[in-house]
Amino acid sequence: MYVRIRNMREDRDMTQSQMAEYLRIHQTTYSDYEIGKLNIPVQVLDKIADLFETSIDYLVNRTDVEKPYPHKK
């Protein structure tokens, strides 16, 4: 389910360990997210979307538009 997250991480030459460190979680937890063994909490998806400058909808395949939505002020 989270193939886009893995692909975006790999496109940026980031390891799972680097992602886990950014998210302040264990690497094994991040790995479980990436393979779909664990559901990713919304707050974690939000941080990933910010890092990759995209939307949560794009990360979870709800849209094919990679550009993020404008932030509310």
PDB file of N, CA and C in Angstrom:
ATOM      1  N   MET A   1       0.809  -1.200   0.000  1.00  0.00           N
ATOM      2  CA  MET A   1       0.000   0.000   0.000  1.00  0.00           C
ATOM      3  C   MET A   1       0.853   1.265   0.000  1.00  0.00           C
ATOM      4  N   TYR A   2       1.977   1.225   0.657  1.00  0.00           N
ATOM      5  CA  TYR A   2       2.796   2.431   0.790  1.00  0.00           C
ATOM      6  C   TYR A   2       4.007   2.404  -0.130  1.00  0.00           C
ATOM      7  N   VAL A   3       3.803   1.912  -1.347  1.00  0.00           N
ATOM      8  CA  VAL A   3       4.881   1.833  -2.331  1.00  0.00           C
ATOM      9  C   VAL A   3       5.415   3.218  -2.653  1.00  0.00           C
ATOM     10  N   ARG A   4       4.532   4.203  -2.713  1.00  0.00           N
ATOM     11  CA  ARG A   4       4.982   5.564  -3.032  1.00  0.00           C
ATOM     12  C   ARG A   4       5.934   6.097  -1.967  1.00  0.00           C
ATOM     13  N   ILE A   5       5.682   5.789  -0.725  1.00  0.00           N
ATOM     14  CA  ILE A   5       6.568   6.255   0.345  1.00  0.00           C
ATOM     15  C   ILE A   5       7.952   5.642   0.166  1.00  0.00           C
ATOM     16  N   ARG A   6       7.990   4.342  -0.098  1.00  0.00           N
ATOM     17  CA  ARG A   6       9.276   3.678  -0.319  1.00  0.00           C
ATOM     18  C   ARG A   6       9.972   4.275  -1.538  1.00  0.00           C
ATOM     19  N   ASN A   7       9.227   4.456  -2.628  1.00  0.00           N
ATOM     20  CA  ASN A   7       9.839   4.996  -3.841  1.00  0.00           C
ATOM     21  C   ASN A   7      10.363   6.409  -3.635  1.00  0.00           C
ATOM     22  N   MET A   8       9.615   7.238  -2.926  1.00  0.00           N
ATOM     23  CA  MET A   8      10.070   8.604  -2.676  1.00  0.00           C
ATOM     24  C   MET A   8      11.301   8.610  -1.770  1.00  0.00           C
ATOM     25  N   ARG A   9      11.313   7.718  -0.791  1.00  0.00           N
ATOM     26  CA  ARG A   9      12.487   7.602   0.083  1.00  0.00           C
ATOM     27  C   ARG A   9      13.701   7.187  -0.734  1.00  0.00           C
ATOM     28  N   GLU A  10      13.541   6.172  -1.571  1.00  0.00           N
ATOM     29  CA  GLU A  10      14.660   5.683  -2.382  1.00  0.00           C
ATOM     30  C   GLU A  10      15.111   6.724  -3.403  1.00  0.00           C
ATOM     31  N   ASP A  11      14.170   7.469  -3.995  1.00  0.00           N
ATOM     32  CA  ASP A  11      14.520   8.523  -4.954  1.00  0.00           C
ATOM     33  C   ASP A  11      15.395   9.594  -4.313  1.00  0.00           C
ATOM     34  N   ARG A  12      15.265   9.764  -3.010  1.00  0.00           N
ATOM     35  CA  ARG A  12      16.059  10.756  -2.277  1.00  0.00           C
ATOM     36  C   ARG A  12      17.271  10.119  -1.597  1.00  0.00           C
ATOM     37  N   ASP A  13      17.552   8.874  -1.980  1.00  0.00           N
ATOM     38  CA  ASP A  13      18.710   8.140  -1.437  1.00  0.00           C
ATOM     39  C   ASP A  13      18.713   8.105   0.084  1.00  0.00           C
ATOM     40  N   MET A  14      17.528   7.960   0.671  1.00  0.00           N
ATOM     41  CA  MET A  14      17.415   7.847   2.122  1.00  0.00           C
ATOM     42  C   MET A  14      17.248   6.383   2.495  1.00  0.00           C
ATOM     43  N   THR A  15      17.851   5.997   3.605  1.00  0.00           N
ATOM     44  CA  THR A  15      17.676   4.649   4.118  1.00  0.00           C
ATOM     45  C   THR A  15      16.461   4.618   5.042  1.00  0.00           C
ATOM     46  N   GLN A  16      16.016   3.415   5.345  1.00  0.00           N
ATOM     47  CA  GLN A  16      14.935   3.282   6.323  1.00  0.00           C
ATOM     48  C   GLN A  16      15.385   3.821   7.671  1.00  0.00           C
ATOM     49  N   SER A  17      16.629   3.629   8.008  1.00  0.00           N
ATOM     50  CA  SER A  17      17.154   4.146   9.282  1.00  0.00           C
ATOM     51  C   SER A  17      17.107   5.661   9.331  1.00  0.00           C
ATOM     52  N   GLN A  18      17.433   6.310   8.224  1.00  0.00           N
ATOM     53  CA  GLN A  18      17.379   7.773   8.182  1.00  0.00           C
ATOM     54  C   GLN A  18      15.939   8.267   8.320  1.00  0.00           C
ATOM     55  N   MET A  19      15.012   7.570   7.659  1.00  0.00           N
ATOM     56  CA  MET A  19      13.605   7.941   7.795  1.00  0.00           C
ATOM     57  C   MET A  19      13.138   7.767   9.229  1.00  0.00           C
ATOM     58  N   ALA A  20      13.503   6.652   9.825  1.00  0.00           N
ATOM     59  CA  ALA A  20      13.107   6.389  11.211  1.00  0.00           C
ATOM     60  C   ALA A  20      13.669   7.462  12.142  1.00  0.00           C
ATOM     61  N   GLU A  21      14.901   7.855  11.908  1.00  0.00           N
ATOM     62  CA  GLU A  21      15.508   8.900  12.736  1.00  0.00           C
ATOM     63  C   GLU A  21      14.747  10.220  12.563  1.00  0.00           C
ATOM     64  N   TYR A  22      14.415  10.584  11.331  1.00  0.00           N
ATOM     65  CA  TYR A  22      13.650  11.807  11.061  1.00  0.00           C
ATOM     66  C   TYR A  22      12.296  11.770  11.777  1.00  0.00           C
ATOM     67  N   LEU A  23      11.666  10.590  11.757  1.00  0.00           N
ATOM     68  CA  LEU A  23      10.337  10.442  12.358  1.00  0.00           C
ATOM     69  C   LEU A  23      10.393  10.159  13.857  1.00  0.00           C
ATOM     70  N   ARG A  24      11.597   9.935  14.374  1.00  0.00           N
ATOM     71  CA  ARG A  24      11.820   9.624  15.798  1.00  0.00           C
ATOM     72  C   ARG A  24      11.103   8.338  16.221  1.00  0.00           C
ATOM     73  N   ILE A  25      11.297   7.312  15.371  1.00  0.00           N
ATOM     74  CA  ILE A  25      10.746   5.989  15.653  1.00  0.00           C
ATOM     75  C   ILE A  25      11.838   4.956  15.408  1.00  0.00           C
ATOM     76  N   HIS A  26      11.594   3.723  15.799  1.00  0.00           N
ATOM     77  CA  HIS A  26      12.550   2.648  15.532  1.00  0.00           C
ATOM     78  C   HIS A  26      12.533   2.286  14.053  1.00  0.00           C
ATOM     79  N   GLN A  27      13.655   1.843  13.550  1.00  0.00           N
ATOM     80  CA  GLN A  27      13.766   1.456  12.143  1.00  0.00           C
ATOM     81  C   GLN A  27      12.817   0.309  11.825  1.00  0.00           C
ATOM     82  N   THR A  28      12.669  -0.629  12.744  1.00  0.00           N
ATOM     83  CA  THR A  28      11.774  -1.756  12.488  1.00  0.00           C
ATOM     84  C   THR A  28      10.313  -1.297  12.383  1.00  0.00           C
ATOM     85  N   THR A  29       9.950  -0.288  13.154  1.00  0.00           N
ATOM     86  CA  THR A  29       8.597   0.268  13.052  1.00  0.00           C
ATOM     87  C   THR A  29       8.410   0.900  11.687  1.00  0.00           C
ATOM     88  N   TYR A  30       9.399   1.675  11.262  1.00  0.00           N
ATOM     89  CA  TYR A  30       9.300   2.296   9.940  1.00  0.00           C
ATOM     90  C   TYR A  30       9.206   1.226   8.854  1.00  0.00           C
ATOM     91  N   SER A  31      10.004   0.199   8.948  1.00  0.00           N
ATOM     92  CA  SER A  31       9.966  -0.887   7.973  1.00  0.00           C
ATOM     93  C   SER A  31       8.575  -1.521   7.925  1.00  0.00           C
ATOM     94  N   ASP A  32       7.991  -1.736   9.088  1.00  0.00           N
ATOM     95  CA  ASP A  32       6.641  -2.299   9.153  1.00  0.00           C
ATOM     96  C   ASP A  32       5.609  -1.369   8.503  1.00  0.00           C
ATOM     97  N   TYR A  33       5.801  -0.064   8.634  1.00  0.00           N
ATOM     98  CA  TYR A  33       4.926   0.890   7.954  1.00  0.00           C
ATOM     99  C   TYR A  33       5.051   0.720   6.439  1.00  0.00           C
ATOM    100  N   GLU A  34       6.294   0.663   5.986  1.00  0.00           N
ATOM    101  CA  GLU A  34       6.558   0.646   4.553  1.00  0.00           C
ATOM    102  C   GLU A  34       6.033  -0.614   3.867  1.00  0.00           C
ATOM    103  N   ILE A  35       6.029  -1.720   4.560  1.00  0.00           N
ATOM    104  CA  ILE A  35       5.542  -2.962   3.957  1.00  0.00           C
ATOM    105  C   ILE A  35       4.057  -3.193   4.242  1.00  0.00           C
ATOM    106  N   GLY A  36       3.452  -2.286   4.980  1.00  0.00           N
ATOM    107  CA  GLY A  36       2.019  -2.392   5.243  1.00  0.00           C
ATOM    108  C   GLY A  36       1.658  -3.300   6.402  1.00  0.00           C
ATOM    109  N   LYS A  37       2.647  -3.679   7.192  1.00  0.00           N
ATOM    110  CA  LYS A  37       2.380  -4.527   8.364  1.00  0.00           C
ATOM    111  C   LYS A  37       1.702  -3.724   9.467  1.00  0.00           C
ATOM    112  N   LEU A  38       2.034  -2.445   9.566  1.00  0.00           N
ATOM    113  CA  LEU A  38       1.417  -1.537  10.537  1.00  0.00           C
ATOM    114  C   LEU A  38       0.804  -0.368   9.794  1.00  0.00           C
ATOM    115  N   ASN A  39      -0.328   0.118  10.273  1.00  0.00           N
ATOM    116  CA  ASN A  39      -0.907   1.341   9.724  1.00  0.00           C
ATOM    117  C   ASN A  39      -0.094   2.538  10.197  1.00  0.00           C
ATOM    118  N   ILE A  40       0.097   3.477   9.295  1.00  0.00           N
ATOM    119  CA  ILE A  40       0.867   4.675   9.624  1.00  0.00           C
ATOM    120  C   ILE A  40      -0.061   5.705  10.255  1.00  0.00           C
ATOM    121  N   PRO A  41       0.250   6.163  11.469  1.00  0.00           N
ATOM    122  CA  PRO A  41      -0.577   7.191  12.099  1.00  0.00           C
ATOM    123  C   PRO A  41      -0.582   8.478  11.264  1.00  0.00           C
ATOM    124  N   VAL A  42      -1.680   9.194  11.327  1.00  0.00           N
ATOM    125  CA  VAL A  42      -1.838  10.417  10.537  1.00  0.00           C
ATOM    126  C   VAL A  42      -0.708  11.403  10.817  1.00  0.00           C
ATOM    127  N   GLN A  43      -0.322  11.544  12.073  1.00  0.00           N
ATOM    128  CA  GLN A  43       0.743  12.516  12.391  1.00  0.00           C
ATOM    129  C   GLN A  43       2.071  12.118  11.746  1.00  0.00           C
ATOM    130  N   VAL A  44       2.304  10.831  11.572  1.00  0.00           N
ATOM    131  CA  VAL A  44       3.522  10.367  10.897  1.00  0.00           C
ATOM    132  C   VAL A  44       3.389  10.613   9.393  1.00  0.00           C
ATOM    133  N   LEU A  45       2.232  10.320   8.823  1.00  0.00           N
ATOM    134  CA  LEU A  45       2.006  10.606   7.406  1.00  0.00           C
ATOM    135  C   LEU A  45       2.197  12.092   7.123  1.00  0.00           C
ATOM    136  N   ASP A  46       1.750  12.930   8.035  1.00  0.00           N
ATOM    137  CA  ASP A  46       1.898  14.375   7.883  1.00  0.00           C
ATOM    138  C   ASP A  46       3.370  14.770   7.803  1.00  0.00           C
ATOM    139  N   LYS A  47       4.189  14.197   8.673  1.00  0.00           N
ATOM    140  CA  LYS A  47       5.628  14.497   8.656  1.00  0.00           C
ATOM    141  C   LYS A  47       6.283  14.001   7.370  1.00  0.00           C
ATOM    142  N   ILE A  48       5.870  12.827   6.893  1.00  0.00           N
ATOM    143  CA  ILE A  48       6.425  12.282   5.654  1.00  0.00           C
ATOM    144  C   ILE A  48       6.019  13.169   4.473  1.00  0.00           C
ATOM    145  N   ALA A  49       4.754  13.573   4.435  1.00  0.00           N
ATOM    146  CA  ALA A  49       4.281  14.449   3.361  1.00  0.00           C
ATOM    147  C   ALA A  49       5.054  15.769   3.359  1.00  0.00           C
ATOM    148  N   ASP A  50       5.302  16.331   4.522  1.00  0.00           N
ATOM    149  CA  ASP A  50       6.091  17.568   4.609  1.00  0.00           C
ATOM    150  C   ASP A  50       7.511  17.350   4.103  1.00  0.00           C
ATOM    151  N   LEU A  51       8.125  16.253   4.500  1.00  0.00           N
ATOM    152  CA  LEU A  51       9.497  15.950   4.074  1.00  0.00           C
ATOM    153  C   LEU A  51       9.581  15.844   2.556  1.00  0.00           C
ATOM    154  N   PHE A  52       8.633  15.144   1.956  1.00  0.00           N
ATOM    155  CA  PHE A  52       8.658  14.910   0.516  1.00  0.00           C
ATOM    156  C   PHE A  52       7.922  15.986  -0.285  1.00  0.00           C
ATOM    157  N   GLU A  53       7.417  17.003   0.422  1.00  0.00           N
ATOM    158  CA  GLU A  53       6.714  18.125  -0.203  1.00  0.00           C
ATOM    159  C   GLU A  53       5.580  17.630  -1.098  1.00  0.00           C
ATOM    160  N   THR A  54       4.712  16.818  -0.509  1.00  0.00           N
ATOM    161  CA  THR A  54       3.563  16.268  -1.199  1.00  0.00           C
ATOM    162  C   THR A  54       2.383  16.228  -0.242  1.00  0.00           C
ATOM    163  N   SER A  55       1.306  15.576  -0.649  1.00  0.00           N
ATOM    164  CA  SER A  55       0.133  15.470   0.214  1.00  0.00           C
ATOM    165  C   SER A  55       0.001  14.048   0.754  1.00  0.00           C
ATOM    166  N   ILE A  56      -0.702  13.917   1.848  1.00  0.00           N
ATOM    167  CA  ILE A  56      -1.000  12.590   2.378  1.00  0.00           C
ATOM    168  C   ILE A  56      -1.816  11.812   1.356  1.00  0.00           C
ATOM    169  N   ASP A  57      -2.733  12.465   0.672  1.00  0.00           N
ATOM    170  CA  ASP A  57      -3.537  11.785  -0.345  1.00  0.00           C
ATOM    171  C   ASP A  57      -2.651  11.136  -1.405  1.00  0.00           C
ATOM    172  N   TYR A  58      -1.594  11.822  -1.815  1.00  0.00           N
ATOM    173  CA  TYR A  58      -0.676  11.247  -2.800  1.00  0.00           C
ATOM    174  C   TYR A  58       0.044  10.031  -2.214  1.00  0.00           C
ATOM    175  N   LEU A  59       0.488  10.151  -0.973  1.00  0.00           N
ATOM    176  CA  LEU A  59       1.229   9.053  -0.342  1.00  0.00           C
ATOM    177  C   LEU A  59       0.400   7.779  -0.242  1.00  0.00           C
ATOM    178  N   VAL A  60      -0.906   7.928  -0.028  1.00  0.00           N
ATOM    179  CA  VAL A  60      -1.766   6.745   0.165  1.00  0.00           C
ATOM    180  C   VAL A  60      -2.609   6.441  -1.082  1.00  0.00           C
ATOM    181  N   ASN A  61      -2.167   6.955  -2.226  1.00  0.00           N
ATOM    182  CA  ASN A  61      -2.772   6.648  -3.529  1.00  0.00           C
ATOM    183  C   ASN A  61      -4.207   7.134  -3.702  1.00  0.00           C
ATOM    184  N   ARG A  62      -4.578   8.206  -3.028  1.00  0.00           N
ATOM    185  CA  ARG A  62      -5.925   8.768  -3.219  1.00  0.00           C
ATOM    186  C   ARG A  62      -5.938   9.751  -4.378  1.00  0.00           C
ATOM    187  N   THR A  63      -4.758  10.185  -4.823  1.00  0.00           N
ATOM    188  CA  THR A  63      -4.623  11.074  -5.974  1.00  0.00           C
ATOM    189  C   THR A  63      -3.298  10.777  -6.652  1.00  0.00           C
ATOM    190  N   ASP A  64      -3.217  11.131  -7.916  1.00  0.00           N
ATOM    191  CA  ASP A  64      -1.956  11.008  -8.648  1.00  0.00           C
ATOM    192  C   ASP A  64      -1.252  12.352  -8.772  1.00  0.00           C
ATOM    193  N   VAL A  65      -1.815  13.380  -8.134  1.00  0.00           N
ATOM    194  CA  VAL A  65      -1.218  14.714  -8.149  1.00  0.00           C
ATOM    195  C   VAL A  65      -0.206  14.788  -7.018  1.00  0.00           C
ATOM    196  N   GLU A  66       1.062  14.883  -7.395  1.00  0.00           N
ATOM    197  CA  GLU A  66       2.128  14.877  -6.377  1.00  0.00           C
ATOM    198  C   GLU A  66       2.259  16.217  -5.652  1.00  0.00           C
ATOM    199  N   LYS A  67       1.887  17.303  -6.313  1.00  0.00           N
ATOM    200  CA  LYS A  67       2.025  18.628  -5.716  1.00  0.00           C
ATOM    201  C   LYS A  67       1.139  18.742  -4.472  1.00  0.00           C
ATOM    202  N   PRO A  68       1.675  19.296  -3.380  1.00  0.00           N
ATOM    203  CA  PRO A  68       0.880  19.386  -2.147  1.00  0.00           C
ATOM    204  C   PRO A  68      -0.213  20.448  -2.254  1.00  0.00           C
ATOM    205  N   TYR A  69      -1.187  20.300  -1.393  1.00  0.00           N
ATOM    206  CA  TYR A  69      -2.235  21.311  -1.274  1.00  0.00           C
ATOM    207  C   TYR A  69      -1.658  22.539  -0.589  1.00  0.00           C
ATOM    208  N   PRO A  70      -2.240  23.714  -0.848  1.00  0.00           N
ATOM    209  CA  PRO A  70      -1.758  24.906  -0.120  1.00  0.00           C
ATOM    210  C   PRO A  70      -2.090  24.771   1.362  1.00  0.00           C
ATOM    211  N   HIS A  71      -1.186  25.248   2.204  1.00  0.00           N
ATOM    212  CA  HIS A  71      -1.409  25.203   3.651  1.00  0.00           C
ATOM    213  C   HIS A  71      -2.344  26.323   4.065  1.00  0.00           C
ATOM    214  N   LYS A  72      -3.185  26.031   5.057  1.00  0.00           N
ATOM    215  CA  LYS A  72      -4.053  27.061   5.611  1.00  0.00           C
ATOM    216  C   LYS A  72      -3.226  27.948   6.533  1.00  0.00           C
ATOM    217  N   LYS A  73      -3.597  29.202   6.599  1.00  0.00           N
ATOM    218  CA  LYS A  73      -2.888  30.133   7.488  1.00  0.00           C
ATOM    219  C   LYS A  73      -3.653  30.337   8.748  1.00  0.00           C
TER     220      LYS A  73
END
